[in-house]
């Protein structure tokens, strides 16, 4: 596999991570905490009512961001 193939794979992975990160961040913007839930890590989706654990979403965004940074370093 040549240099071009590796660069293409990295570029595709970078784009995929970027899109996934934006999707997670978009989800975070639609979550609402209720005043009685202050201090908890759970939030409700404003459109669907589904309850999410914000810690898990934030950890996922952090993991993806770290992978993005690693890909940028190798560029």
PDB file of N, CA and C in Angstrom:
ATOM      1  N   UNK A   1       0.844  -1.173   0.000  1.00  0.00           N
ATOM      2  CA  UNK A   1       0.000   0.000   0.000  1.00  0.00           C
ATOM      3  C   UNK A   1       0.890   1.238   0.000  1.00  0.00           C
ATOM      4  N   UNK A   2       0.594   2.150  -0.844  1.00  0.00           N
ATOM      5  CA  UNK A   2       1.441   3.317  -1.009  1.00  0.00           C
ATOM      6  C   UNK A   2       1.088   4.458  -0.067  1.00  0.00           C
ATOM      7  N   UNK A   3       1.897   5.471  -0.187  1.00  0.00           N
ATOM      8  CA  UNK A   3       1.711   6.670   0.633  1.00  0.00           C
ATOM      9  C   UNK A   3       0.368   7.336   0.343  1.00  0.00           C
ATOM     10  N   UNK A   4      -0.018   7.322  -0.915  1.00  0.00           N
ATOM     11  CA  UNK A   4      -1.291   7.933  -1.311  1.00  0.00           C
ATOM     12  C   UNK A   4      -2.463   7.237  -0.633  1.00  0.00           C
ATOM     13  N   UNK A   5      -2.424   5.886  -0.595  1.00  0.00           N
ATOM     14  CA  UNK A   5      -3.496   5.122   0.034  1.00  0.00           C
ATOM     15  C   UNK A   5      -3.596   5.430   1.528  1.00  0.00           C
ATOM     16  N   UNK A   6      -2.454   5.501   2.185  1.00  0.00           N
ATOM     17  CA  UNK A   6      -2.444   5.821   3.615  1.00  0.00           C
ATOM     18  C   UNK A   6      -2.980   7.218   3.873  1.00  0.00           C
ATOM     19  N   UNK A   7      -2.584   8.151   3.048  1.00  0.00           N
ATOM     20  CA  UNK A   7      -3.058   9.529   3.207  1.00  0.00           C
ATOM     21  C   UNK A   7      -4.564   9.601   2.982  1.00  0.00           C
ATOM     22  N   UNK A   8      -5.056   8.853   2.007  1.00  0.00           N
ATOM     23  CA  UNK A   8      -6.484   8.824   1.714  1.00  0.00           C
ATOM     24  C   UNK A   8      -7.271   8.226   2.881  1.00  0.00           C
ATOM     25  N   UNK A   9      -6.751   7.152   3.468  1.00  0.00           N
ATOM     26  CA  UNK A   9      -7.398   6.539   4.631  1.00  0.00           C
ATOM     27  C   UNK A   9      -7.440   7.496   5.816  1.00  0.00           C
ATOM     28  N   UNK A  10      -6.332   8.184   6.062  1.00  0.00           N
ATOM     29  CA  UNK A  10      -6.283   9.136   7.167  1.00  0.00           C
ATOM     30  C   UNK A  10      -7.257  10.284   6.942  1.00  0.00           C
ATOM     31  N   UNK A  11      -7.338  10.752   5.700  1.00  0.00           N
ATOM     32  CA  UNK A  11      -8.248  11.848   5.387  1.00  0.00           C
ATOM     33  C   UNK A  11      -9.697  11.399   5.580  1.00  0.00           C
ATOM     34  N   UNK A  12     -10.007  10.178   5.154  1.00  0.00           N
ATOM     35  CA  UNK A  12     -11.361   9.647   5.323  1.00  0.00           C
ATOM     36  C   UNK A  12     -11.685   9.487   6.809  1.00  0.00           C
ATOM     37  N   UNK A  13     -10.744   8.959   7.581  1.00  0.00           N
ATOM     38  CA  UNK A  13     -10.962   8.784   9.022  1.00  0.00           C
ATOM     39  C   UNK A  13     -11.136  10.141   9.699  1.00  0.00           C
ATOM     40  N   UNK A  14     -10.326  11.107   9.313  1.00  0.00           N
ATOM     41  CA  UNK A  14     -10.427  12.456   9.867  1.00  0.00           C
ATOM     42  C   UNK A  14     -11.820  13.037   9.615  1.00  0.00           C
ATOM     43  N   UNK A  15     -12.290  12.917   8.380  1.00  0.00           N
ATOM     44  CA  UNK A  15     -13.621  13.432   8.037  1.00  0.00           C
ATOM     45  C   UNK A  15     -14.710  12.711   8.820  1.00  0.00           C
ATOM     46  N   UNK A  16     -14.581  11.394   8.960  1.00  0.00           N
ATOM     47  CA  UNK A  16     -15.580  10.617   9.702  1.00  0.00           C
ATOM     48  C   UNK A  16     -15.630  11.029  11.161  1.00  0.00           C
ATOM     49  N   UNK A  17     -14.464  11.196  11.768  1.00  0.00           N
ATOM     50  CA  UNK A  17     -14.408  11.602  13.172  1.00  0.00           C
ATOM     51  C   UNK A  17     -14.990  12.994  13.344  1.00  0.00           C
ATOM     52  N   UNK A  18     -14.660  13.875  12.432  1.00  0.00           N
ATOM     53  CA  UNK A  18     -15.159  15.252  12.487  1.00  0.00           C
ATOM     54  C   UNK A  18     -16.690  15.260  12.442  1.00  0.00           C
ATOM     55  N   UNK A  19     -17.273  14.486  11.525  1.00  0.00           N
ATOM     56  CA  UNK A  19     -18.731  14.417  11.406  1.00  0.00           C
ATOM     57  C   UNK A  19     -19.364  13.823  12.660  1.00  0.00           C
ATOM     58  N   UNK A  20     -18.760  12.759  13.176  1.00  0.00           N
ATOM     59  CA  UNK A  20     -19.304  12.117  14.372  1.00  0.00           C
ATOM     60  C   UNK A  20     -19.235  13.056  15.576  1.00  0.00           C
ATOM     61  N   UNK A  21     -18.143  13.780  15.698  1.00  0.00           N
ATOM     62  CA  UNK A  21     -18.000  14.741  16.793  1.00  0.00           C
ATOM     63  C   UNK A  21     -19.082  15.818  16.703  1.00  0.00           C
ATOM     64  N   UNK A  22     -19.319  16.320  15.501  1.00  0.00           N
ATOM     65  CA  UNK A  22     -20.365  17.331  15.317  1.00  0.00           C
ATOM     66  C   UNK A  22     -21.745  16.783  15.669  1.00  0.00           C
ATOM     67  N   UNK A  23     -21.996  15.514  15.343  1.00  0.00           N
ATOM     68  CA  UNK A  23     -23.279  14.900  15.681  1.00  0.00           C
ATOM     69  C   UNK A  23     -23.459  14.795  17.191  1.00  0.00           C
ATOM     70  N   UNK A  24     -22.410  14.379  17.899  1.00  0.00           N
ATOM     71  CA  UNK A  24     -22.482  14.288  19.359  1.00  0.00           C
ATOM     72  C   UNK A  24     -22.684  15.672  19.971  1.00  0.00           C
ATOM     73  N   UNK A  25     -21.969  16.668  19.465  1.00  0.00           N
ATOM     74  CA  UNK A  25     -22.108  18.020  19.991  1.00  0.00           C
ATOM     75  C   UNK A  25     -23.499  18.577  19.707  1.00  0.00           C
ATOM     76  N   UNK A  26     -24.050  18.254  18.553  1.00  0.00           N
ATOM     77  CA  UNK A  26     -25.399  18.662  18.220  1.00  0.00           C
ATOM     78  C   UNK A  26     -26.396  18.030  19.198  1.00  0.00           C
ATOM     79  N   UNK A  27     -26.187  16.762  19.513  1.00  0.00           N
ATOM     80  CA  UNK A  27     -27.037  16.094  20.497  1.00  0.00           C
ATOM     81  C   UNK A  27     -26.958  16.809  21.843  1.00  0.00           C
ATOM     82  N   UNK A  28     -25.755  17.156  22.261  1.00  0.00           N
ATOM     83  CA  UNK A  28     -25.586  17.848  23.541  1.00  0.00           C
ATOM     84  C   UNK A  28     -26.363  19.164  23.594  1.00  0.00           C
ATOM     85  N   UNK A  29     -26.440  19.857  22.458  1.00  0.00           N
ATOM     86  CA  UNK A  29     -27.163  21.135  22.451  1.00  0.00           C
ATOM     87  C   UNK A  29     -28.670  20.941  22.600  1.00  0.00           C
ATOM     88  N   UNK A  30     -29.159  19.741  22.282  1.00  0.00           N
ATOM     89  CA  UNK A  30     -30.595  19.484  22.380  1.00  0.00           C
ATOM     90  C   UNK A  30     -31.003  18.867  23.710  1.00  0.00           C
ATOM     91  N   UNK A  31     -30.036  18.665  24.596  1.00  0.00           N
ATOM     92  CA  UNK A  31     -30.340  18.087  25.898  1.00  0.00           C
ATOM     93  C   UNK A  31     -30.621  19.185  26.915  1.00  0.00           C
ATOM     94  N   UNK A  32     -31.587  18.940  27.767  1.00  0.00           N
ATOM     95  CA  UNK A  32     -31.948  19.920  28.782  1.00  0.00           C
ATOM     96  C   UNK A  32     -31.907  19.290  30.159  1.00  0.00           C
ATOM     97  N   UNK A  33     -31.305  20.016  31.082  1.00  0.00           N
ATOM     98  CA  UNK A  33     -31.301  19.619  32.488  1.00  0.00           C
ATOM     99  C   UNK A  33     -32.466  20.300  33.176  1.00  0.00           C
ATOM    100  N   UNK A  34     -33.082  19.611  34.077  1.00  0.00           N
ATOM    101  CA  UNK A  34     -34.166  20.209  34.858  1.00  0.00           C
ATOM    102  C   UNK A  34     -33.593  20.720  36.169  1.00  0.00           C
ATOM    103  N   UNK A  35     -34.161  21.780  36.683  1.00  0.00           N
ATOM    104  CA  UNK A  35     -33.625  22.393  37.902  1.00  0.00           C
ATOM    105  C   UNK A  35     -33.539  21.403  39.048  1.00  0.00           C
ATOM    106  N   UNK A  36     -34.537  20.520  39.172  1.00  0.00           N
ATOM    107  CA  UNK A  36     -34.502  19.559  40.272  1.00  0.00           C
ATOM    108  C   UNK A  36     -33.417  18.504  40.070  1.00  0.00           C
ATOM    109  N   UNK A  37     -32.897  18.396  38.852  1.00  0.00           N
ATOM    110  CA  UNK A  37     -31.841  17.434  38.546  1.00  0.00           C
ATOM    111  C   UNK A  37     -30.453  18.055  38.617  1.00  0.00           C
ATOM    112  N   UNK A  38     -30.351  19.269  39.123  1.00  0.00           N
ATOM    113  CA  UNK A  38     -29.056  19.950  39.161  1.00  0.00           C
ATOM    114  C   UNK A  38     -28.048  19.099  39.929  1.00  0.00           C
ATOM    115  N   UNK A  39     -26.892  18.941  39.357  1.00  0.00           N
ATOM    116  CA  UNK A  39     -25.857  18.144  39.984  1.00  0.00           C
ATOM    117  C   UNK A  39     -25.846  16.708  39.465  1.00  0.00           C
ATOM    118  N   UNK A  40     -26.822  16.337  38.707  1.00  0.00           N
ATOM    119  CA  UNK A  40     -26.860  14.999  38.133  1.00  0.00           C
ATOM    120  C   UNK A  40     -26.258  15.027  36.736  1.00  0.00           C
ATOM    121  N   UNK A  41     -25.941  13.871  36.229  1.00  0.00           N
ATOM    122  CA  UNK A  41     -25.327  13.823  34.904  1.00  0.00           C
ATOM    123  C   UNK A  41     -26.320  13.382  33.835  1.00  0.00           C
ATOM    124  N   UNK A  42     -27.599  13.364  34.168  1.00  0.00           N
ATOM    125  CA  UNK A  42     -28.604  12.939  33.204  1.00  0.00           C
ATOM    126  C   UNK A  42     -29.359  14.142  32.654  1.00  0.00           C
ATOM    127  N   UNK A  43     -29.697  14.043  31.372  1.00  0.00           N
ATOM    128  CA  UNK A  43     -30.434  15.124  30.719  1.00  0.00           C
ATOM    129  C   UNK A  43     -31.434  14.510  29.748  1.00  0.00           C
ATOM    130  N   UNK A  44     -32.474  15.278  29.473  1.00  0.00           N
ATOM    131  CA  UNK A  44     -33.533  14.824  28.584  1.00  0.00           C
ATOM    132  C   UNK A  44     -33.405  15.517  27.237  1.00  0.00           C
ATOM    133  N   UNK A  45     -33.601  14.752  26.179  1.00  0.00           N
ATOM    134  CA  UNK A  45     -33.583  15.310  24.828  1.00  0.00           C
ATOM    135  C   UNK A  45     -34.834  16.161  24.660  1.00  0.00           C
ATOM    136  N   UNK A  46     -34.662  17.383  24.183  1.00  0.00           N
ATOM    137  CA  UNK A  46     -35.772  18.331  24.107  1.00  0.00           C
ATOM    138  C   UNK A  46     -36.833  17.939  23.086  1.00  0.00           C
ATOM    139  N   UNK A  47     -36.495  17.113  22.110  1.00  0.00           N
ATOM    140  CA  UNK A  47     -37.459  16.740  21.072  1.00  0.00           C
ATOM    141  C   UNK A  47     -38.059  15.348  21.277  1.00  0.00           C
ATOM    142  N   UNK A  48     -37.255  14.408  21.765  1.00  0.00           N
ATOM    143  CA  UNK A  48     -37.724  13.030  21.867  1.00  0.00           C
ATOM    144  C   UNK A  48     -38.068  12.596  23.285  1.00  0.00           C
ATOM    145  N   UNK A  49     -37.504  13.283  24.274  1.00  0.00           N
ATOM    146  CA  UNK A  49     -37.746  12.915  25.663  1.00  0.00           C
ATOM    147  C   UNK A  49     -36.838  11.808  26.170  1.00  0.00           C
ATOM    148  N   UNK A  50     -35.938  11.331  25.330  1.00  0.00           N
ATOM    149  CA  UNK A  50     -35.013  10.273  25.728  1.00  0.00           C
ATOM    150  C   UNK A  50     -34.021  10.851  26.733  1.00  0.00           C
ATOM    151  N   UNK A  51     -33.719  10.062  27.768  1.00  0.00           N
ATOM    152  CA  UNK A  51     -32.785  10.493  28.810  1.00  0.00           C
ATOM    153  C   UNK A  51     -31.392   9.968  28.468  1.00  0.00           C
ATOM    154  N   UNK A  52     -30.402  10.853  28.566  1.00  0.00           N
ATOM    155  CA  UNK A  52     -29.009  10.519  28.258  1.00  0.00           C
ATOM    156  C   UNK A  52     -28.138  10.797  29.470  1.00  0.00           C
ATOM    157  N   UNK A  53     -27.050  10.037  29.572  1.00  0.00           N
ATOM    158  CA  UNK A  53     -26.023  10.296  30.570  1.00  0.00           C
ATOM    159  C   UNK A  53     -24.977  11.188  29.900  1.00  0.00           C
ATOM    160  N   UNK A  54     -24.913  12.430  30.324  1.00  0.00           N
ATOM    161  CA  UNK A  54     -24.032  13.418  29.690  1.00  0.00           C
ATOM    162  C   UNK A  54     -22.563  13.021  29.802  1.00  0.00           C
ATOM    163  N   UNK A  55     -22.187  12.369  30.898  1.00  0.00           N
ATOM    164  CA  UNK A  55     -20.787  11.965  31.088  1.00  0.00           C
ATOM    165  C   UNK A  55     -20.315  11.059  29.956  1.00  0.00           C
ATOM    166  N   UNK A  56     -21.162  10.138  29.547  1.00  0.00           N
ATOM    167  CA  UNK A  56     -20.789   9.203  28.489  1.00  0.00           C
ATOM    168  C   UNK A  56     -20.611   9.941  27.166  1.00  0.00           C
ATOM    169  N   UNK A  57     -21.520  10.862  26.883  1.00  0.00           N
ATOM    170  CA  UNK A  57     -21.422  11.634  25.638  1.00  0.00           C
ATOM    171  C   UNK A  57     -20.161  12.500  25.652  1.00  0.00           C
ATOM    172  N   UNK A  58     -19.889  13.154  26.771  1.00  0.00           N
ATOM    173  CA  UNK A  58     -18.703  14.001  26.874  1.00  0.00           C
ATOM    174  C   UNK A  58     -17.426  13.175  26.744  1.00  0.00           C
ATOM    175  N   UNK A  59     -17.418  11.972  27.321  1.00  0.00           N
ATOM    176  CA  UNK A  59     -16.254  11.091  27.182  1.00  0.00           C
ATOM    177  C   UNK A  59     -16.038  10.686  25.729  1.00  0.00           C
ATOM    178  N   UNK A  60     -17.131  10.421  25.020  1.00  0.00           N
ATOM    179  CA  UNK A  60     -17.037  10.046  23.603  1.00  0.00           C
ATOM    180  C   UNK A  60     -16.477  11.196  22.773  1.00  0.00           C
ATOM    181  N   UNK A  61     -16.967  12.408  23.034  1.00  0.00           N
ATOM    182  CA  UNK A  61     -16.469  13.590  22.318  1.00  0.00           C
ATOM    183  C   UNK A  61     -14.979  13.793  22.622  1.00  0.00           C
ATOM    184  N   UNK A  62     -14.606  13.604  23.877  1.00  0.00           N
ATOM    185  CA  UNK A  62     -13.202  13.758  24.265  1.00  0.00           C
ATOM    186  C   UNK A  62     -12.323  12.728  23.544  1.00  0.00           C
ATOM    187  N   UNK A  63     -12.785  11.481  23.493  1.00  0.00           N
ATOM    188  CA  UNK A  63     -12.044  10.422  22.814  1.00  0.00           C
ATOM    189  C   UNK A  63     -11.885  10.727  21.328  1.00  0.00           C
ATOM    190  N   UNK A  64     -12.949  11.165  20.687  1.00  0.00           N
ATOM    191  CA  UNK A  64     -12.885  11.499  19.263  1.00  0.00           C
ATOM    192  C   UNK A  64     -11.970  12.694  19.014  1.00  0.00           C
ATOM    193  N   UNK A  65     -12.021  13.677  19.890  1.00  0.00           N
ATOM    194  CA  UNK A  65     -11.165  14.853  19.761  1.00  0.00           C
ATOM    195  C   UNK A  65      -9.698  14.470  19.879  1.00  0.00           C
ATOM    196  N   UNK A  66      -9.396  13.573  20.814  1.00  0.00           N
ATOM    197  CA  UNK A  66      -8.014  13.117  20.963  1.00  0.00           C
ATOM    198  C   UNK A  66      -7.539  12.380  19.708  1.00  0.00           C
ATOM    199  N   UNK A  67      -8.411  11.565  19.139  1.00  0.00           N
ATOM    200  CA  UNK A  67      -8.046  10.855  17.914  1.00  0.00           C
ATOM    201  C   UNK A  67      -7.842  11.839  16.756  1.00  0.00           C
ATOM    202  N   UNK A  68      -8.688  12.869  16.699  1.00  0.00           N
ATOM    203  CA  UNK A  68      -8.515  13.908  15.681  1.00  0.00           C
ATOM    204  C   UNK A  68      -7.164  14.589  15.829  1.00  0.00           C
ATOM    205  N   UNK A  69      -6.816  14.922  17.062  1.00  0.00           N
ATOM    206  CA  UNK A  69      -5.534  15.580  17.313  1.00  0.00           C
ATOM    207  C   UNK A  69      -4.355  14.697  16.904  1.00  0.00           C
ATOM    208  N   UNK A  70      -4.474  13.391  17.169  1.00  0.00           N
ATOM    209  CA  UNK A  70      -3.411  12.463  16.767  1.00  0.00           C
ATOM    210  C   UNK A  70      -3.274  12.412  15.240  1.00  0.00           C
ATOM    211  N   UNK A  71      -4.415  12.399  14.556  1.00  0.00           N
ATOM    212  CA  UNK A  71      -4.363  12.385  13.093  1.00  0.00           C
ATOM    213  C   UNK A  71      -3.744  13.664  12.542  1.00  0.00           C
ATOM    214  N   UNK A  72      -4.043  14.792  13.185  1.00  0.00           N
ATOM    215  CA  UNK A  72      -3.473  16.069  12.748  1.00  0.00           C
ATOM    216  C   UNK A  72      -1.966  16.094  12.950  1.00  0.00           C
ATOM    217  N   UNK A  73      -1.492  15.464  14.034  1.00  0.00           N
ATOM    218  CA  UNK A  73      -0.057  15.424  14.316  1.00  0.00           C
ATOM    219  C   UNK A  73       0.704  14.634  13.257  1.00  0.00           C
ATOM    220  N   UNK A  74       0.091  13.576  12.738  1.00  0.00           N
ATOM    221  CA  UNK A  74       0.748  12.740  11.748  1.00  0.00           C
ATOM    222  C   UNK A  74       0.718  13.329  10.351  1.00  0.00           C
ATOM    223  N   UNK A  75      -0.077  14.365  10.184  1.00  0.00           N
ATOM    224  CA  UNK A  75      -0.192  14.977   8.844  1.00  0.00           C
ATOM    225  C   UNK A  75       1.022  15.773   8.488  1.00  0.00           C
TER     226      UNK A  75
END
